[in-house]
Amino acid sequence: MTTGRLIKAAVLREPGHPLTIEELVLAPPGPGEVEIRIAASGICHSDVSYFNGAWEGVRPAVYGHEGAGVVAAVGPGVTEMRPEQALVTLVRACGTCFFCDHEQPALCDTSFPLDAPGPLTTKDGEPVVHGFRTATFAERVVVHESQVVPIPDELPYDCASLLACGVLTGFGAVAKTARVEAGAHIVVIGPEASG
């Protein structure tokens, strides 16, 4: 049996099937780690791809990487976070590997202590994948302190969660991929939202 905090999370057990809400065990934060009480999480196209089986992945898994919430606890050595501080989560990146050095931090392949084993297990001790090294489709998460960015307390969590991937990806597409210069005129063509 694994010790830690019992939490509820949306677990992917089989691609193409509905997620199941399960009670899991979340390990306490270790050195340099932060436990976050999630208030809102966006759903990224990457999450949907995993759900539908487009990408191979180990299961069971908890996905989600666009999270916003507050600091619930910190591990040893964390000095920049205060209890109840509002923040958003990011995909973990070391800042020094080949991918980080080439401005592709989402592809960082550096191992962190949270990677093996991850902080999530079933109540019987079965490992549960810490999807995107973040797993925000849960009530609480444990992430490395480099993955959190403080936000103003008055910023609504549902809006803040989009800053973690959606806004950054959109900005990256304009500034890094398309290299649109300041003052340029552009046209954005895309599908109209229905409903």
C-alpha atoms as a PDB file:
ATOM      1  CA  MET A   1       0.000   0.000   0.000  1.00  0.00           C
ATOM      2  CA  THR A   2       1.205   3.499  -0.910  1.00  0.00           C
ATOM      3  CA  THR A   3       1.034   6.340   1.587  1.00  0.00           C
ATOM      4  CA  GLY A   4      -0.062   9.822   0.650  1.00  0.00           C
ATOM      5  CA  ARG A   5      -3.194  11.902   0.166  1.00  0.00           C
ATOM      6  CA  LEU A   6      -6.329  10.386  -1.372  1.00  0.00           C
ATOM      7  CA  ILE A   7      -7.575  12.461  -4.312  1.00  0.00           C
ATOM      8  CA  LYS A   8     -10.072  12.060  -7.127  1.00  0.00           C
ATOM      9  CA  ALA A   9      -8.847  12.155 -10.715  1.00  0.00           C
ATOM     10  CA  ALA A  10     -10.092  11.480 -14.257  1.00  0.00           C
ATOM     11  CA  VAL A  11      -8.206   8.348 -15.324  1.00  0.00           C
ATOM     12  CA  LEU A  12      -7.661   7.089 -18.869  1.00  0.00           C
ATOM     13  CA  ARG A  13      -7.584   3.293 -18.824  1.00  0.00           C
ATOM     14  CA  GLU A  14      -8.405   2.568 -22.472  1.00  0.00           C
ATOM     15  CA  PRO A  15      -8.186   4.921 -25.492  1.00  0.00           C
ATOM     16  CA  GLY A  16     -11.530   5.693 -27.062  1.00  0.00           C
ATOM     17  CA  HIS A  17     -13.390   4.922 -23.832  1.00  0.00           C
ATOM     18  CA  PRO A  18     -14.717   7.434 -21.286  1.00  0.00           C
ATOM     19  CA  LEU A  19     -12.416   8.575 -18.524  1.00  0.00           C
ATOM     20  CA  THR A  20     -13.263   7.142 -15.114  1.00  0.00           C
ATOM     21  CA  ILE A  21     -13.312   9.180 -11.921  1.00  0.00           C
ATOM     22  CA  GLU A  22     -11.178   7.247  -9.460  1.00  0.00           C
ATOM     23  CA  GLU A  23      -9.717   7.696  -6.018  1.00  0.00           C
ATOM     24  CA  LEU A  24      -5.920   7.715  -6.281  1.00  0.00           C
ATOM     25  CA  VAL A  25      -3.035   8.249  -3.890  1.00  0.00           C
ATOM     26  CA  LEU A  26      -0.929  11.388  -4.392  1.00  0.00           C
ATOM     27  CA  ALA A  27       2.542  11.298  -2.847  1.00  0.00           C
ATOM     28  CA  PRO A  28       3.546  14.329  -0.777  1.00  0.00           C
ATOM     29  CA  PRO A  29       5.876  16.874  -2.385  1.00  0.00           C
ATOM     30  CA  GLY A  30       9.572  16.031  -2.206  1.00  0.00           C
ATOM     31  CA  PRO A  31      12.543  18.402  -2.425  1.00  0.00           C
ATOM     32  CA  GLY A  32      11.879  21.191  -4.922  1.00  0.00           C
ATOM     33  CA  GLU A  33       8.258  20.111  -5.442  1.00  0.00           C
ATOM     34  CA  VAL A  34       4.911  21.837  -4.934  1.00  0.00           C
ATOM     35  CA  GLU A  35       1.476  20.362  -4.223  1.00  0.00           C
ATOM     36  CA  ILE A  36      -1.288  22.329  -5.911  1.00  0.00           C
ATOM     37  CA  ARG A  37      -5.018  22.250  -5.234  1.00  0.00           C
ATOM     38  CA  ILE A  38      -6.413  22.481  -8.778  1.00  0.00           C
ATOM     39  CA  ALA A  39      -9.286  24.942  -9.289  1.00  0.00           C
ATOM     40  CA  ALA A  40      -9.545  24.729 -13.109  1.00  0.00           C
ATOM     41  CA  SER A  41      -7.977  22.802 -15.960  1.00  0.00           C
ATOM     42  CA  GLY A  42      -8.245  23.354 -19.685  1.00  0.00           C
ATOM     43  CA  ILE A  43      -8.470  20.513 -22.176  1.00  0.00           C
ATOM     44  CA  CYS A  44      -5.788  20.664 -24.845  1.00  0.00           C
ATOM     45  CA  HIS A  45      -5.842  18.998 -28.263  1.00  0.00           C
ATOM     46  CA  SER A  46      -2.897  16.905 -27.020  1.00  0.00           C
ATOM     47  CA  ASP A  47      -5.086  15.486 -24.228  1.00  0.00           C
ATOM     48  CA  VAL A  48      -7.831  14.640 -26.718  1.00  0.00           C
ATOM     49  CA  SER A  49      -5.300  12.898 -28.967  1.00  0.00           C
ATOM     50  CA  TYR A  50      -4.249  10.644 -26.080  1.00  0.00           C
ATOM     51  CA  PHE A  51      -7.889   9.955 -25.175  1.00  0.00           C
ATOM     52  CA  ASN A  52      -8.640   8.888 -28.734  1.00  0.00           C
ATOM     53  CA  GLY A  53      -5.566   6.678 -29.025  1.00  0.00           C
ATOM     54  CA  ALA A  54      -3.812   8.764 -31.692  1.00  0.00           C
ATOM     55  CA  TRP A  55      -0.602   8.665 -29.639  1.00  0.00           C
ATOM     56  CA  GLU A  56       0.717   5.632 -27.883  1.00  0.00           C
ATOM     57  CA  GLY A  57       0.992   5.924 -24.143  1.00  0.00           C
ATOM     58  CA  VAL A  58       1.266   3.886 -20.979  1.00  0.00           C
ATOM     59  CA  ARG A  59      -1.924   3.487 -18.978  1.00  0.00           C
ATOM     60  CA  PRO A  60      -3.573   4.021 -16.615  1.00  0.00           C
ATOM     61  CA  ALA A  61      -2.850   7.733 -16.882  1.00  0.00           C
ATOM     62  CA  VAL A  62      -4.109  11.090 -15.678  1.00  0.00           C
ATOM     63  CA  TYR A  63      -3.617  13.780 -18.311  1.00  0.00           C
ATOM     64  CA  GLY A  64      -4.097  17.541 -18.322  1.00  0.00           C
ATOM     65  CA  HIS A  65      -1.433  20.240 -18.302  1.00  0.00           C
ATOM     66  CA  GLU A  66      -3.401  23.502 -18.368  1.00  0.00           C
ATOM     67  CA  GLY A  67      -4.006  23.896 -14.651  1.00  0.00           C
ATOM     68  CA  ALA A  68      -4.642  26.764 -12.289  1.00  0.00           C
ATOM     69  CA  GLY A  69      -5.004  26.596  -8.536  1.00  0.00           C
ATOM     70  CA  VAL A  70      -3.322  27.393  -5.246  1.00  0.00           C
ATOM     71  CA  VAL A  71      -0.320  26.122  -3.323  1.00  0.00           C
ATOM     72  CA  ALA A  72      -1.455  23.461  -0.854  1.00  0.00           C
ATOM     73  CA  ALA A  73       1.997  22.338   0.371  1.00  0.00           C
ATOM     74  CA  VAL A  74       5.673  22.626  -0.550  1.00  0.00           C
ATOM     75  CA  GLY A  75       8.558  20.209  -0.286  1.00  0.00           C
ATOM     76  CA  PRO A  76      11.931  20.881   1.309  1.00  0.00           C
ATOM     77  CA  GLY A  77      13.932  23.671  -0.301  1.00  0.00           C
ATOM     78  CA  VAL A  78      10.990  25.471  -1.917  1.00  0.00           C
ATOM     79  CA  THR A  79      11.236  29.120  -0.883  1.00  0.00           C
ATOM     80  CA  GLU A  80       9.477  31.048  -3.655  1.00  0.00           C
ATOM     81  CA  MET A  81       5.927  29.770  -3.019  1.00  0.00           C
ATOM     82  CA  ARG A  82       3.591  30.674  -0.158  1.00  0.00           C
ATOM     83  CA  PRO A  83       0.514  28.758   1.047  1.00  0.00           C
ATOM     84  CA  GLU A  84      -2.646  29.602  -0.905  1.00  0.00           C
ATOM     85  CA  GLN A  85      -0.641  31.470  -3.574  1.00  0.00           C
ATOM     86  CA  ALA A  86      -2.504  31.459  -6.909  1.00  0.00           C
ATOM     87  CA  LEU A  87      -0.592  29.990  -9.839  1.00  0.00           C
ATOM     88  CA  VAL A  88      -0.686  28.162 -13.156  1.00  0.00           C
ATOM     89  CA  THR A  89       1.113  24.938 -14.032  1.00  0.00           C
ATOM     90  CA  LEU A  90       3.354  24.428 -17.021  1.00  0.00           C
ATOM     91  CA  VAL A  91       4.831  21.414 -18.759  1.00  0.00           C
ATOM     92  CA  ARG A  92       8.107  20.587 -17.003  1.00  0.00           C
ATOM     93  CA  ALA A  93      11.313  21.748 -18.680  1.00  0.00           C
ATOM     94  CA  CYS A  94      14.876  21.705 -17.363  1.00  0.00           C
ATOM     95  CA  GLY A  95      15.995  24.772 -19.318  1.00  0.00           C
ATOM     96  CA  THR A  96      19.352  23.261 -20.316  1.00  0.00           C
ATOM     97  CA  CYS A  97      18.821  20.128 -22.486  1.00  0.00           C
ATOM     98  CA  PHE A  98      19.010  20.114 -26.298  1.00  0.00           C
ATOM     99  CA  PHE A  99      15.281  20.845 -26.703  1.00  0.00           C
ATOM    100  CA  CYS A 100      15.164  23.582 -24.060  1.00  0.00           C
ATOM    101  CA  ASP A 101      18.312  25.124 -25.531  1.00  0.00           C
ATOM    102  CA  HIS A 102      16.605  25.164 -28.965  1.00  0.00           C
ATOM    103  CA  GLU A 103      13.466  26.895 -27.643  1.00  0.00           C
ATOM    104  CA  GLN A 104      11.372  23.686 -27.579  1.00  0.00           C
ATOM    105  CA  PRO A 105      10.818  23.229 -23.824  1.00  0.00           C
ATOM    106  CA  ALA A 106       7.640  21.184 -24.370  1.00  0.00           C
ATOM    107  CA  LEU A 107       9.898  18.425 -25.767  1.00  0.00           C
ATOM    108  CA  CYS A 108      12.294  18.425 -22.780  1.00  0.00           C
ATOM    109  CA  ASP A 109      13.460  14.873 -22.121  1.00  0.00           C
ATOM    110  CA  THR A 110      15.412  15.446 -18.914  1.00  0.00           C
ATOM    111  CA  SER A 111      14.499  13.094 -16.065  1.00  0.00           C
ATOM    112  CA  PHE A 112      13.311  14.548 -12.763  1.00  0.00           C
ATOM    113  CA  PRO A 113      12.771  12.683  -9.467  1.00  0.00           C
ATOM    114  CA  LEU A 114       8.999  12.920 -10.118  1.00  0.00           C
ATOM    115  CA  ASP A 115       9.415  10.757 -13.242  1.00  0.00           C
ATOM    116  CA  ALA A 116      10.331   7.467 -11.566  1.00  0.00           C
ATOM    117  CA  PRO A 117       8.122   6.640  -9.943  1.00  0.00           C
ATOM    118  CA  GLY A 118       5.507   9.310 -10.512  1.00  0.00           C
ATOM    119  CA  PRO A 119       3.516  10.762  -7.615  1.00  0.00           C
ATOM    120  CA  LEU A 120       0.274   8.903  -8.496  1.00  0.00           C
ATOM    121  CA  THR A 121      -0.779   5.354  -7.654  1.00  0.00           C
ATOM    122  CA  THR A 122      -4.003   3.450  -7.153  1.00  0.00           C
ATOM    123  CA  LYS A 123      -4.961   2.578  -3.569  1.00  0.00           C
ATOM    124  CA  ASP A 124      -3.437  -0.871  -4.251  1.00  0.00           C
ATOM    125  CA  GLY A 125      -0.087   0.658  -5.236  1.00  0.00           C
ATOM    126  CA  GLU A 126      -0.415   0.336  -9.039  1.00  0.00           C
ATOM    127  CA  PRO A 127       1.529   3.195 -10.713  1.00  0.00           C
ATOM    128  CA  VAL A 128      -0.582   5.741 -12.602  1.00  0.00           C
ATOM    129  CA  VAL A 129       1.129   7.805 -15.299  1.00  0.00           C
ATOM    130  CA  HIS A 130       1.609  11.460 -14.383  1.00  0.00           C
ATOM    131  CA  GLY A 131       0.482  12.592 -17.858  1.00  0.00           C
ATOM    132  CA  PHE A 132       2.453  15.447 -19.381  1.00  0.00           C
ATOM    133  CA  ARG A 133       4.361  15.390 -16.061  1.00  0.00           C
ATOM    134  CA  THR A 134       1.516  17.497 -14.689  1.00  0.00           C
ATOM    135  CA  ALA A 135      -1.796  15.522 -14.488  1.00  0.00           C
ATOM    136  CA  THR A 136      -4.172  18.454 -13.879  1.00  0.00           C
ATOM    137  CA  PHE A 137      -7.315  16.354 -14.420  1.00  0.00           C
ATOM    138  CA  ALA A 138      -7.158  15.754 -10.679  1.00  0.00           C
ATOM    139  CA  GLU A 139      -8.140  17.537  -7.494  1.00  0.00           C
ATOM    140  CA  ARG A 140      -4.482  17.995  -6.562  1.00  0.00           C
ATOM    141  CA  VAL A 141      -1.134  17.567  -8.294  1.00  0.00           C
ATOM    142  CA  VAL A 142       2.519  17.473  -7.285  1.00  0.00           C
ATOM    143  CA  VAL A 143       4.889  19.174  -9.739  1.00  0.00           C
ATOM    144  CA  HIS A 144       8.429  20.505  -9.767  1.00  0.00           C
ATOM    145  CA  GLU A 145       8.691  24.121  -8.590  1.00  0.00           C
ATOM    146  CA  SER A 146       9.980  25.163 -12.036  1.00  0.00           C
ATOM    147  CA  GLN A 147       6.528  24.267 -13.428  1.00  0.00           C
ATOM    148  CA  VAL A 148       4.569  26.901 -11.544  1.00  0.00           C
ATOM    149  CA  VAL A 149       4.117  30.592 -12.229  1.00  0.00           C
ATOM    150  CA  PRO A 150       2.365  32.919  -9.756  1.00  0.00           C
ATOM    151  CA  ILE A 151      -0.664  34.810 -11.035  1.00  0.00           C
ATOM    152  CA  PRO A 152      -2.675  37.696  -9.566  1.00  0.00           C
ATOM    153  CA  ASP A 153      -5.158  36.452  -6.952  1.00  0.00           C
ATOM    154  CA  GLU A 154      -8.015  38.218  -8.764  1.00  0.00           C
ATOM    155  CA  LEU A 155      -7.448  36.415 -12.098  1.00  0.00           C
ATOM    156  CA  PRO A 156     -10.271  33.856 -12.559  1.00  0.00           C
ATOM    157  CA  TYR A 157      -8.899  30.312 -12.519  1.00  0.00           C
ATOM    158  CA  ASP A 158     -10.777  29.197 -15.648  1.00  0.00           C
ATOM    159  CA  CYS A 159      -9.096  31.995 -17.631  1.00  0.00           C
ATOM    160  CA  ALA A 160      -5.735  31.496 -15.928  1.00  0.00           C
ATOM    161  CA  SER A 161      -5.611  27.801 -16.824  1.00  0.00           C
ATOM    162  CA  LEU A 162      -5.541  28.740 -20.516  1.00  0.00           C
ATOM    163  CA  LEU A 163      -2.279  30.624 -19.948  1.00  0.00           C
ATOM    164  CA  ALA A 164      -0.554  27.304 -19.236  1.00  0.00           C
ATOM    165  CA  CYS A 165      -0.705  26.029 -22.826  1.00  0.00           C
ATOM    166  CA  GLY A 166      -3.332  27.559 -25.096  1.00  0.00           C
ATOM    167  CA  VAL A 167      -2.103  31.151 -24.910  1.00  0.00           C
ATOM    168  CA  LEU A 168       1.574  30.149 -24.911  1.00  0.00           C
ATOM    169  CA  THR A 169       1.065  27.877 -27.919  1.00  0.00           C
ATOM    170  CA  GLY A 170      -0.810  30.586 -29.823  1.00  0.00           C
ATOM    171  CA  PHE A 171       1.855  33.158 -29.037  1.00  0.00           C
ATOM    172  CA  GLY A 172       4.587  30.709 -30.025  1.00  0.00           C
ATOM    173  CA  ALA A 173       2.857  30.008 -33.337  1.00  0.00           C
ATOM    174  CA  VAL A 174       2.806  33.720 -34.158  1.00  0.00           C
ATOM    175  CA  ALA A 175       6.151  34.815 -32.725  1.00  0.00           C
ATOM    176  CA  LYS A 176       8.332  31.726 -33.198  1.00  0.00           C
ATOM    177  CA  THR A 177       6.858  29.635 -36.015  1.00  0.00           C
ATOM    178  CA  ALA A 178       5.350  32.271 -38.327  1.00  0.00           C
ATOM    179  CA  ARG A 179       7.791  34.957 -37.116  1.00  0.00           C
ATOM    180  CA  VAL A 180       5.208  37.711 -37.520  1.00  0.00           C
ATOM    181  CA  GLU A 181       6.917  41.049 -36.975  1.00  0.00           C
ATOM    182  CA  ALA A 182       5.482  43.845 -34.853  1.00  0.00           C
ATOM    183  CA  GLY A 183       3.139  46.032 -36.910  1.00  0.00           C
ATOM    184  CA  ALA A 184       2.568  43.383 -39.599  1.00  0.00           C
ATOM    185  CA  HIS A 185      -0.916  42.825 -41.022  1.00  0.00           C
ATOM    186  CA  ILE A 186      -2.094  39.205 -41.012  1.00  0.00           C
ATOM    187  CA  VAL A 187      -5.274  37.239 -41.591  1.00  0.00           C
ATOM    188  CA  VAL A 188      -6.205  34.292 -39.372  1.00  0.00           C
ATOM    189  CA  ILE A 189      -8.433  31.694 -41.002  1.00  0.00           C
ATOM    190  CA  GLY A 190      -9.992  29.007 -38.860  1.00  0.00           C
ATOM    191  CA  PRO A 191     -13.185  27.107 -38.126  1.00  0.00           C
ATOM    192  CA  GLU A 192     -16.096  28.923 -36.598  1.00  0.00           C
ATOM    193  CA  ALA A 193     -17.138  27.684 -33.181  1.00  0.00           C
ATOM    194  CA  SER A 194     -20.604  26.194 -33.142  1.00  0.00           C
ATOM    195  CA  GLY A 195     -23.104  25.893 -30.434  1.00  0.00           C
END
